[in-house]
Structure formats: C-alpha cells, structure tokens
Amino acid sequence: MQEELIQRRGLMLVLSSPSGAGKTTISRRLLDIEPLLQMSVSATTRPKRPGETEGRDYFFLDREEFGMRANKDEFLEHARVFDHYYGTPKGPVEDTLSKGRDVLFDIDWQGTQQIKEKAPSDLVRVFILPPSTIELEQRLRRRAQDSEEVVERRMSEASSEMSHWQEYEYVIINRDIEHSVDQVRAVLSAERLRRERQLGLGGFVKALREQC
C-alpha cells in the first residue's frame, strides 16, 4: 500500500515546571502508557551510584571527555549543576527520532532554550503550572522529601521559573494529574500529525492524484 511509504519523524517533548507542579509524575505516567515515547538519557560527570546502569540511567563521562564533546557541539544542551556537568548527547536522540520514536525531556527553561537553538523543528514545549502557589507549597510539603529550608528555597525559585511560561507552545494548569496527562497526550497526538513530520507524504499525495 502507498500509505506504508509514509514514515513519521519523532519529536522531542519537553516538560518544564517549577518543582512540585507535577512534571515528574506526569512524565512517569506518559512513559507507562505511550509505547513510542522514551526518556532522554543524559551524560554526566558525577560518579555512578549503586544500581545505576550505563546508557540507561546516564552516560558516565569524565570531565575531560565531557569538555571535548561540548567543544565539538555534541550536546543538545548542557549545564553545570553544583560540582558536576550534565548534558544531552545529540547522537542517541537523533537516532531515536529517525526511527519514528519520541524523546521526553524533563529539563528547565535554560536547557529548553539551548535545544530550541539547535533543533527547533523537532521540539515541542509544554509548561506545567500549579493551580495556585498555596497548592504548590502544599504539594512540596506532602512529598516530605525536603527540609523546611529547601521548601522555602523552591518556593522562592518558583516565581522566576514560571516567568518563562510564554516561551512554550503549550501551557497546562495541573489541577488533576490524570486530566493533565490526557492533555499532554492530546498535544502529542496533534504534533505527531504535523505535515513536516510525516516523511513521504508528498509522494503519497502525488500517487493519489495520479490515480484520479
């Protein structure tokens, strides 16, 4: 069938939000129910922790190799976080996209800006907002993972992070996790149908016209 000639190029789905808005929970749900979606694997210079696997959790590099790859522009985005470097290697992402699979990124607005500069046509950006600052603080406290000092710091950082919402194509107010997951899936469905991502579509339409 002519339709089999159409292949889809994958997309890069970025979810960003202030801490506690639900981004990580939404990401996990998406990975569970979207078979064509996989999580981006970052490279890092930090030591491997017990139970971590090379290529699944991270690509572990020493500082010299990380620096060489950064100088060769082999990362879609990279940054220093405290004493270690983190970055997204281009090669594995491009390989995944070329196979018609999508890559999910859980990164902040700064990393998103870097990817936008290097691969704008493959990028789909979604910003997750909390319904209120009161709810955001309650969610941070319910997690019981952070000290009072850390909660206060995350709340003070939230305003700065949320100021970048206009840089994203889609904005979701996360009042309910399942509804928010459905909304992100709707974005995925629509973006997968974009004309420029359906490779071979021109030839398919040409064949259809010739049959008329």
Protein backbone atom coordinates (compact mmCIF):
# COMPACT_ATOMS: atom_id res chain seq x y z
CA MET A 1 0.00 0.00 0.00
CA GLN A 2 1.13 3.54 -0.76
CA GLU A 3 0.36 4.54 2.83
CA GLU A 4 3.19 2.33 4.03
CA LEU A 5 5.62 4.71 2.31
CA ILE A 6 4.81 7.37 4.91
CA GLN A 7 7.14 7.30 7.90
CA ARG A 8 6.95 9.64 10.85
CA ARG A 9 9.91 11.51 12.25
CA GLY A 10 9.87 11.53 16.03
CA LEU A 11 9.69 14.67 18.15
CA MET A 12 11.34 15.99 21.29
CA LEU A 13 8.76 16.63 24.00
CA VAL A 14 9.97 18.96 26.75
CA LEU A 15 8.06 19.27 30.01
CA SER A 16 9.13 22.10 32.29
CA SER A 17 7.66 23.41 35.54
CA PRO A 18 8.56 24.74 38.95
CA SER A 19 9.38 21.99 41.43
CA GLY A 20 6.21 20.46 42.85
CA ALA A 21 3.92 21.30 39.94
CA GLY A 22 3.66 17.64 38.89
CA LYS A 23 6.05 17.40 35.98
CA THR A 24 7.79 14.23 37.17
CA THR A 25 4.53 12.42 37.92
CA ILE A 26 3.13 13.35 34.51
CA SER A 27 6.35 12.17 32.84
CA ARG A 28 6.20 8.78 34.54
CA ARG A 29 2.57 8.28 33.55
CA LEU A 30 3.32 9.17 29.94
CA LEU A 31 6.20 6.71 29.77
CA ASP A 32 3.93 3.98 31.13
CA ILE A 33 1.17 4.47 28.54
CA GLU A 34 2.93 5.84 25.45
CA PRO A 35 4.92 2.99 23.82
CA LEU A 36 6.57 5.29 21.25
CA LEU A 37 7.85 7.66 23.94
CA GLN A 38 11.14 7.18 25.76
CA MET A 39 13.04 9.23 28.30
CA SER A 40 16.11 11.16 27.27
CA VAL A 41 19.34 9.82 28.79
CA SER A 42 21.78 12.49 29.91
CA ALA A 43 25.54 12.39 30.14
CA THR A 44 27.12 13.38 33.45
CA THR A 45 30.49 13.76 35.09
CA ARG A 46 29.23 12.69 38.52
CA PRO A 47 30.22 9.21 39.78
CA LYS A 48 27.92 6.27 39.13
CA ARG A 49 25.72 5.42 42.09
CA PRO A 50 24.88 1.86 43.23
CA GLY A 51 22.25 0.30 40.99
CA GLU A 52 22.74 2.74 38.10
CA THR A 53 23.40 1.38 34.61
CA GLU A 54 25.49 2.96 31.87
CA GLY A 55 23.26 4.07 28.99
CA ARG A 56 20.03 3.54 30.90
CA ASP A 57 20.33 5.99 33.79
CA TYR A 58 23.18 8.14 32.44
CA PHE A 59 26.16 8.12 30.14
CA PHE A 60 29.01 8.49 32.62
CA LEU A 61 31.93 10.60 31.36
CA ASP A 62 34.99 12.10 32.97
CA ARG A 63 35.37 15.86 32.83
CA GLU A 64 37.93 15.81 30.05
CA GLU A 65 35.72 13.77 27.71
CA PHE A 66 32.66 15.82 28.60
CA GLY A 67 34.54 19.00 27.81
CA MET A 68 35.79 17.62 24.48
CA ARG A 69 32.27 16.63 23.45
CA ALA A 70 30.90 20.00 24.47
CA ASN A 71 33.57 21.75 22.39
CA LYS A 72 32.60 19.57 19.41
CA ASP A 73 28.96 20.63 19.86
CA GLU A 74 27.86 17.07 20.55
CA PHE A 75 25.26 18.07 23.16
CA LEU A 76 21.78 19.43 22.51
CA GLU A 77 22.05 21.18 25.86
CA HIS A 78 24.42 21.09 28.80
CA ALA A 79 24.98 22.83 32.11
CA ARG A 80 26.95 22.72 35.31
CA VAL A 81 24.92 21.74 38.37
CA PHE A 82 26.87 22.33 41.57
CA ASP A 83 30.14 20.39 41.09
CA HIS A 84 29.17 18.24 38.09
CA TYR A 85 28.24 18.66 34.43
CA TYR A 86 25.13 17.29 32.73
CA GLY A 87 24.21 17.27 29.05
CA THR A 88 22.01 15.62 26.42
CA PRO A 89 24.05 13.84 23.71
CA LYS A 90 22.80 14.57 20.17
CA GLY A 91 23.57 11.16 18.67
CA PRO A 92 21.19 8.91 20.63
CA VAL A 93 18.36 11.44 20.34
CA GLU A 94 18.75 11.79 16.57
CA ASP A 95 18.85 8.01 16.19
CA THR A 96 15.59 7.70 18.15
CA LEU A 97 13.84 10.45 16.17
CA SER A 98 14.88 8.92 12.84
CA LYS A 99 13.17 5.67 13.88
CA GLY A 100 9.84 7.42 14.44
CA ARG A 101 10.03 7.40 18.22
CA ASP A 102 9.66 10.39 20.51
CA VAL A 103 12.00 11.56 23.27
CA LEU A 104 10.80 13.05 26.55
CA PHE A 105 12.89 15.70 28.32
CA ASP A 106 12.50 16.74 31.95
CA ILE A 107 14.58 19.93 31.87
CA ASP A 108 14.32 23.58 32.87
CA TRP A 109 13.79 26.64 30.68
CA GLN A 110 17.52 27.20 30.20
CA GLY A 111 18.10 23.75 28.76
CA THR A 112 14.97 24.16 26.64
CA GLN A 113 16.34 27.37 25.16
CA GLN A 114 19.54 25.59 24.13
CA ILE A 115 17.59 22.82 22.38
CA LYS A 116 15.41 25.43 20.67
CA GLU A 117 18.52 27.00 19.15
CA LYS A 118 19.85 23.67 17.83
CA ALA A 119 16.74 21.70 16.81
CA PRO A 120 13.70 23.98 16.63
CA SER A 121 11.69 21.90 14.14
CA ASP A 122 11.81 18.76 16.32
CA LEU A 123 10.93 20.49 19.57
CA VAL A 124 7.53 20.59 21.31
CA ARG A 125 7.45 22.56 24.56
CA VAL A 126 4.89 22.15 27.35
CA PHE A 127 4.97 24.19 30.56
CA ILE A 128 3.20 22.79 33.63
CA LEU A 129 1.73 25.32 36.09
CA PRO A 130 0.27 24.65 39.55
CA PRO A 131 -3.33 25.84 40.17
CA SER A 132 -2.07 28.19 42.92
CA THR A 133 1.02 28.96 44.99
CA ILE A 134 -0.79 27.62 48.05
CA GLU A 135 -1.33 24.28 46.31
CA LEU A 136 2.28 24.29 45.09
CA GLU A 137 3.59 24.71 48.64
CA GLN A 138 1.24 22.03 49.95
CA ARG A 139 2.46 19.59 47.32
CA LEU A 140 6.08 20.26 48.23
CA ARG A 141 5.34 19.63 51.88
CA ARG A 142 3.28 16.49 51.19
CA ARG A 143 6.24 14.94 49.42
CA ALA A 144 8.09 15.02 52.76
CA GLN A 145 11.36 14.77 50.85
CA ASP A 146 12.82 18.18 51.60
CA SER A 147 13.71 20.19 54.67
CA GLU A 148 11.88 23.40 55.53
CA GLU A 149 14.83 25.36 54.16
CA VAL A 150 14.67 23.53 50.82
CA VAL A 151 10.89 24.01 50.55
CA GLU A 152 11.28 27.73 51.12
CA ARG A 153 14.05 27.92 48.51
CA ARG A 154 11.96 26.04 45.94
CA MET A 155 9.05 28.40 46.56
CA SER A 156 11.29 31.44 46.09
CA GLU A 157 12.62 29.95 42.83
CA ALA A 158 9.12 29.16 41.52
CA SER A 159 8.30 32.75 40.54
CA SER A 160 11.42 33.04 38.39
CA GLU A 161 10.78 29.69 36.72
CA MET A 162 7.14 30.47 35.99
CA SER A 163 8.09 33.77 34.32
CA HIS A 164 9.24 31.75 31.29
CA TRP A 165 5.84 30.24 30.51
CA GLN A 166 5.46 32.37 27.36
CA GLU A 167 8.45 30.61 25.76
CA TYR A 168 6.41 27.38 25.49
CA GLU A 169 3.86 26.45 22.81
CA TYR A 170 1.56 24.74 25.30
CA VAL A 171 0.68 25.55 28.91
CA ILE A 172 -1.19 23.16 31.20
CA ILE A 173 -2.54 24.04 34.64
CA ASN A 174 -2.16 20.85 36.62
CA ARG A 175 -5.29 20.67 38.76
CA ASP A 176 -5.65 16.91 38.29
CA ILE A 177 -2.85 14.54 37.25
CA GLU A 178 -4.92 12.25 35.03
CA HIS A 179 -6.53 15.17 33.21
CA SER A 180 -3.12 16.79 32.73
CA VAL A 181 -1.72 13.53 31.34
CA ASP A 182 -4.64 13.41 28.89
CA GLN A 183 -3.89 16.97 27.81
CA VAL A 184 -0.23 16.21 27.15
CA ARG A 185 -1.27 13.12 25.17
CA ALA A 186 -3.57 15.33 23.08
CA VAL A 187 -0.59 17.58 22.34
CA LEU A 188 1.45 14.51 21.34
CA SER A 189 -1.30 13.25 19.03
CA ALA A 190 -1.61 16.58 17.26
CA GLU A 191 2.13 17.18 16.94
CA ARG A 192 2.69 13.70 15.51
CA LEU A 193 0.34 14.61 12.66
CA ARG A 194 2.23 17.72 11.61
CA ARG A 195 2.83 17.71 7.88
CA GLU A 196 6.60 18.15 8.17
CA ARG A 197 6.92 15.11 10.46
CA GLN A 198 5.17 12.75 8.02
CA LEU A 199 8.05 11.79 5.76
CA GLY A 200 7.00 10.57 2.32
CA LEU A 201 3.64 12.33 2.49
CA GLY A 202 4.36 14.30 -0.68
CA GLY A 203 4.93 11.12 -2.67
CA PHE A 204 1.79 9.57 -1.22
CA VAL A 205 -0.36 12.54 -2.25
CA LYS A 206 1.24 12.58 -5.71
CA ALA A 207 0.34 8.91 -6.20
CA LEU A 208 -3.21 9.57 -5.05
CA ARG A 209 -3.61 12.38 -7.58
CA GLU A 210 -2.25 10.24 -10.37
CA GLN A 211 -4.92 7.65 -9.63
CA CYS A 212 -7.73 10.19 -10.08
